[in-house]
Amino acid sequence: MSVGLSSGASAILLYHSLDQTGSLFSIDPALFRRHVEAIVQSGITVAPLAQVRETPGALALTFDDGHRNFLDRALPLLVEFRMPATMFVVSGYCGHKPDALTWREVREIAAAGIDIGAHSVTHRDLTTLSAAEVQVEMRGSQAHIEDQLGRPVRAFAYPYGRSNTHVRRHASEIFDLACGVRLAQAGRDADPFDLPRVFDFYVRNPRRLKRLASLEGRVYLELRRTASALRRGVAARLGS
């Protein structure tokens, strides 16, 4: 795909499970197909995560947690339309949870052209851990994935999207980039160790994808971010 949107920024999409549970952290496989079709029909550039900030108007696709349903509900579409994507796996989950990918399946996905990134060993909130524990979660997941794939792992996603100055410093010493979940576009000036991402539930309507990296998309994300902050503030006051 080679045509980008006319904007100085790009956007990184975040998906989790592809299922019909209706969970906030899942997307119906049929809707995901509509997302892919909308991207294809719009001619939007889908860029590798490592290149999205330098590709104005592009989208990057990321998938967190390493759900097994990615294998038959997302991978065939990505391969068919030659869309790059990054799958962030929790190394300690692989082969140990019923809904998590096995290492054989992770290798199959990597062989199909999907980049594999690290998402920690145990998916704990890194901001609550000691420096030594953060290192174990980051380096441990990186080493385990590299041992399984036989290739470098250069991208990381913070569990729950949570990080602070100290956690990001550790990430910068180990990886080339790291993703959070701040609701914003990803321009050239975005912090490579706190890359913003847009949860798929903010763009349930596939037509929203066409404008996500445009000025209209930036305004939309700012409004949603402000609304979320207001809701959190109200909830905090009510709970105090």
Protein backbone atom coordinates (compact mmCIF):
# COMPACT_ATOMS: atom_id res chain seq x y z
CA MET A 1 0.00 0.00 0.00
CA SER A 2 1.58 3.28 -1.03
CA VAL A 3 -0.75 6.24 -0.69
CA GLY A 4 -0.76 8.23 2.55
CA LEU A 5 -3.17 10.72 4.01
CA SER A 6 -2.34 14.40 3.65
CA SER A 7 -1.18 15.09 7.19
CA GLY A 8 2.07 15.73 9.01
CA ALA A 9 1.28 13.00 11.52
CA SER A 10 0.50 9.32 11.52
CA ALA A 11 -1.40 7.04 13.88
CA ILE A 12 -0.77 3.71 15.56
CA LEU A 13 -3.76 1.40 16.03
CA LEU A 14 -3.96 -0.96 18.99
CA TYR A 15 -5.89 -4.23 18.86
CA HIS A 16 -6.08 -7.07 21.37
CA SER A 17 -8.28 -10.14 20.95
CA LEU A 18 -10.39 -10.82 17.86
CA ASP A 19 -13.56 -12.39 19.20
CA GLN A 20 -17.30 -11.84 19.66
CA THR A 21 -17.39 -11.42 23.43
CA GLY A 22 -18.14 -7.72 23.21
CA SER A 23 -15.30 -6.94 25.60
CA LEU A 24 -13.77 -3.48 25.48
CA PHE A 25 -10.48 -5.18 24.68
CA SER A 26 -11.70 -7.25 21.77
CA ILE A 27 -12.98 -6.61 18.30
CA ASP A 28 -15.44 -8.70 16.34
CA PRO A 29 -13.53 -10.47 13.54
CA ALA A 30 -16.10 -9.25 11.00
CA LEU A 31 -15.50 -5.65 12.09
CA PHE A 32 -11.74 -6.14 11.88
CA ARG A 33 -12.21 -7.30 8.30
CA ARG A 34 -14.17 -4.10 7.63
CA HIS A 35 -11.28 -2.12 9.09
CA VAL A 36 -8.84 -3.82 6.75
CA GLU A 37 -11.14 -3.33 3.77
CA ALA A 38 -11.61 0.37 4.62
CA ILE A 39 -7.85 0.86 4.77
CA VAL A 40 -7.37 -0.90 1.46
CA GLN A 41 -10.16 1.00 -0.28
CA SER A 42 -8.87 4.34 1.03
CA GLY A 43 -5.35 3.67 -0.20
CA ILE A 44 -3.91 4.57 3.21
CA THR A 45 -0.28 3.61 3.73
CA VAL A 46 0.19 0.92 6.36
CA ALA A 47 3.73 1.39 7.61
CA PRO A 48 5.90 -0.80 9.84
CA LEU A 49 5.81 0.46 13.40
CA ALA A 50 9.47 1.48 13.28
CA GLN A 51 8.80 3.70 10.26
CA VAL A 52 5.37 5.15 10.99
CA ARG A 53 6.59 8.44 12.51
CA GLU A 54 8.57 9.15 9.34
CA THR A 55 5.61 8.26 7.08
CA PRO A 56 3.13 11.16 7.32
CA GLY A 57 -0.50 10.14 7.00
CA ALA A 58 0.22 6.46 7.56
CA LEU A 59 -1.23 3.93 9.97
CA ALA A 60 0.67 1.26 11.87
CA LEU A 61 -1.10 -1.83 13.21
CA THR A 62 -0.21 -3.34 16.59
CA PHE A 63 -1.68 -6.26 18.52
CA ASP A 64 -1.05 -6.76 22.25
CA ASP A 65 -0.89 -9.86 24.46
CA GLY A 66 -0.44 -12.60 21.82
CA HIS A 67 -3.98 -13.98 21.59
CA ARG A 68 -4.24 -17.23 19.63
CA ASN A 69 -7.21 -15.98 17.60
CA PHE A 70 -4.81 -13.62 15.79
CA LEU A 71 -3.55 -16.65 13.90
CA ASP A 72 -6.73 -17.40 11.96
CA ARG A 73 -8.68 -14.14 12.28
CA ALA A 74 -6.09 -11.46 11.55
CA LEU A 75 -3.01 -13.03 10.00
CA PRO A 76 -4.70 -14.25 6.77
CA LEU A 77 -6.02 -10.74 6.04
CA LEU A 78 -2.69 -9.07 6.80
CA VAL A 79 -0.88 -11.52 4.54
CA GLU A 80 -3.48 -11.19 1.77
CA PHE A 81 -3.17 -7.41 1.67
CA ARG A 82 0.53 -7.34 2.53
CA MET A 83 0.03 -5.20 5.59
CA PRO A 84 2.91 -4.98 8.06
CA ALA A 85 2.01 -5.29 11.73
CA THR A 86 3.61 -5.81 15.13
CA MET A 87 2.50 -8.43 17.62
CA PHE A 88 3.58 -7.80 21.22
CA VAL A 89 3.70 -11.08 23.14
CA VAL A 90 3.89 -11.74 26.88
CA SER A 91 6.67 -14.30 26.86
CA GLY A 92 5.58 -16.00 30.08
CA TYR A 93 2.11 -16.61 28.66
CA CYS A 94 3.22 -18.39 25.47
CA GLY A 95 2.17 -22.01 25.64
CA HIS A 96 0.95 -21.62 29.22
CA LYS A 97 -2.46 -19.99 28.78
CA PRO A 98 -5.28 -21.47 26.68
CA ASP A 99 -5.90 -18.24 24.78
CA ALA A 100 -2.20 -17.41 24.29
CA LEU A 101 -0.08 -18.32 21.31
CA THR A 102 2.35 -21.20 21.57
CA TRP A 103 5.96 -20.60 20.57
CA ARG A 104 5.43 -22.67 17.44
CA GLU A 105 2.58 -20.35 16.49
CA VAL A 106 4.65 -17.26 17.29
CA ARG A 107 7.35 -18.57 14.94
CA GLU A 108 4.69 -19.19 12.27
CA ILE A 109 3.43 -15.62 12.59
CA ALA A 110 6.96 -14.22 12.42
CA ALA A 111 7.69 -16.32 9.34
CA ALA A 112 4.62 -14.77 7.68
CA GLY A 113 6.22 -11.32 8.02
CA ILE A 114 4.72 -10.01 11.26
CA ASP A 115 7.18 -8.28 13.56
CA ILE A 116 7.27 -9.70 17.08
CA GLY A 117 7.82 -7.32 19.97
CA ALA A 118 8.12 -7.85 23.71
CA HIS A 119 5.30 -7.16 26.18
CA SER A 120 7.12 -8.24 29.37
CA VAL A 121 7.38 -11.67 30.97
CA THR A 122 4.37 -11.58 33.29
CA HIS A 123 2.37 -8.49 32.23
CA ARG A 124 2.81 -6.66 35.55
CA ASP A 125 2.48 -2.89 35.88
CA LEU A 126 6.12 -1.85 35.52
CA THR A 127 5.57 1.43 37.37
CA THR A 128 5.02 -0.58 40.58
CA LEU A 129 8.25 -2.58 40.32
CA SER A 130 11.82 -2.03 41.42
CA ALA A 131 14.50 -1.19 38.87
CA ALA A 132 15.80 -4.77 39.04
CA GLU A 133 12.32 -6.19 38.45
CA VAL A 134 11.75 -3.89 35.48
CA GLN A 135 15.01 -5.13 33.96
CA VAL A 136 13.92 -8.75 34.45
CA GLU A 137 10.55 -8.10 32.79
CA MET A 138 12.10 -6.29 29.82
CA ARG A 139 15.32 -8.20 29.24
CA GLY A 140 13.74 -11.51 30.13
CA SER A 141 10.97 -11.19 27.57
CA GLN A 142 13.38 -9.91 24.94
CA ALA A 143 15.82 -12.77 25.48
CA HIS A 144 13.12 -15.44 25.50
CA ILE A 145 11.57 -14.23 22.26
CA GLU A 146 14.96 -13.86 20.58
CA ASP A 147 15.87 -17.41 21.61
CA GLN A 148 12.64 -18.70 20.07
CA LEU A 149 12.82 -16.68 16.85
CA GLY A 150 16.54 -16.40 16.27
CA ARG A 151 16.24 -12.71 15.46
CA PRO A 152 16.54 -9.40 17.37
CA VAL A 153 13.57 -7.98 19.27
CA ARG A 154 13.72 -4.19 19.15
CA ALA A 155 10.21 -3.06 20.15
CA PHE A 156 8.42 -3.11 23.50
CA ALA A 157 4.87 -2.36 24.69
CA TYR A 158 4.29 -1.38 28.31
CA PRO A 159 1.79 -3.62 30.10
CA TYR A 160 -1.45 -1.67 30.55
CA GLY A 161 0.29 1.13 28.66
CA ARG A 162 1.76 2.37 31.95
CA SER A 163 5.22 3.86 32.22
CA ASN A 164 7.07 6.64 34.01
CA THR A 165 10.40 8.38 33.54
CA HIS A 166 12.37 5.55 35.14
CA VAL A 167 10.59 2.78 33.22
CA ARG A 168 11.08 4.63 29.93
CA ARG A 169 14.76 5.09 30.70
CA HIS A 170 15.14 1.34 31.10
CA ALA A 171 13.28 0.78 27.85
CA SER A 172 15.58 3.19 26.01
CA GLU A 173 18.60 1.19 27.16
CA ILE A 174 17.22 -2.07 25.78
CA PHE A 175 14.92 -1.34 22.82
CA ASP A 176 14.69 0.99 19.83
CA LEU A 177 11.11 2.04 20.63
CA ALA A 178 8.33 1.42 23.13
CA CYS A 179 4.58 1.92 22.96
CA GLY A 180 2.15 3.30 25.51
CA VAL A 181 -1.55 4.04 25.15
CA ARG A 182 -1.72 7.83 25.21
CA LEU A 183 -4.56 8.81 22.89
CA ALA A 184 -2.89 10.89 20.17
CA GLN A 185 -1.38 10.84 16.72
CA ALA A 186 2.24 9.79 16.29
CA GLY A 187 4.14 12.61 14.63
CA ARG A 188 7.86 12.98 14.03
CA ASP A 189 8.20 14.64 17.43
CA ALA A 190 6.57 11.76 19.33
CA ASP A 191 8.69 10.24 22.09
CA PRO A 192 10.00 6.94 20.63
CA PHE A 193 9.78 5.41 24.11
CA ASP A 194 6.23 6.53 24.78
CA LEU A 195 4.60 6.16 21.38
CA PRO A 196 0.89 7.01 21.49
CA ARG A 197 -1.62 4.46 20.23
CA VAL A 198 -5.33 4.51 19.44
CA PHE A 199 -7.43 1.68 20.87
CA ASP A 200 -9.60 0.08 18.21
CA PHE A 201 -12.75 0.91 20.19
CA TYR A 202 -12.22 4.60 19.40
CA VAL A 203 -12.56 3.83 15.70
CA ARG A 204 -15.28 1.20 15.61
CA ASN A 205 -16.70 2.94 12.56
CA PRO A 206 -14.30 2.02 9.73
CA ARG A 207 -14.87 5.42 8.12
CA ARG A 208 -13.10 6.96 11.11
CA LEU A 209 -9.90 5.19 10.04
CA LYS A 210 -9.76 7.19 6.83
CA ARG A 211 -9.38 10.44 8.78
CA LEU A 212 -7.39 9.23 11.77
CA ALA A 213 -4.07 10.73 10.66
CA SER A 214 -5.63 13.96 9.36
CA LEU A 215 -6.32 17.28 11.10
CA GLU A 216 -9.86 16.09 11.69
CA GLY A 217 -8.47 12.95 13.32
CA ARG A 218 -6.23 14.99 15.60
CA VAL A 219 -9.17 17.09 16.79
CA TYR A 220 -11.25 13.94 17.34
CA LEU A 221 -8.52 12.32 19.45
CA GLU A 222 -8.03 15.49 21.49
CA LEU A 223 -11.75 15.65 22.22
CA ARG A 224 -11.85 11.97 23.24
CA ARG A 225 -8.76 12.44 25.42
CA THR A 226 -10.31 15.46 27.15
CA ALA A 227 -13.58 13.60 27.72
CA SER A 228 -11.71 10.63 29.22
CA ALA A 229 -9.77 12.92 31.56
CA LEU A 230 -12.99 14.59 32.71
CA ARG A 231 -14.60 11.22 33.43
CA ARG A 232 -11.58 10.14 35.47
CA GLY A 233 -11.68 13.40 37.40
CA VAL A 234 -15.37 13.01 38.21
CA ALA A 235 -14.86 9.39 39.26
CA ALA A 236 -11.97 10.38 41.52
CA ARG A 237 -14.03 13.10 43.21
CA LEU A 238 -16.97 10.76 43.73
CA GLY A 239 -14.70 8.16 45.21
CA SER A 240 -12.94 10.52 47.60
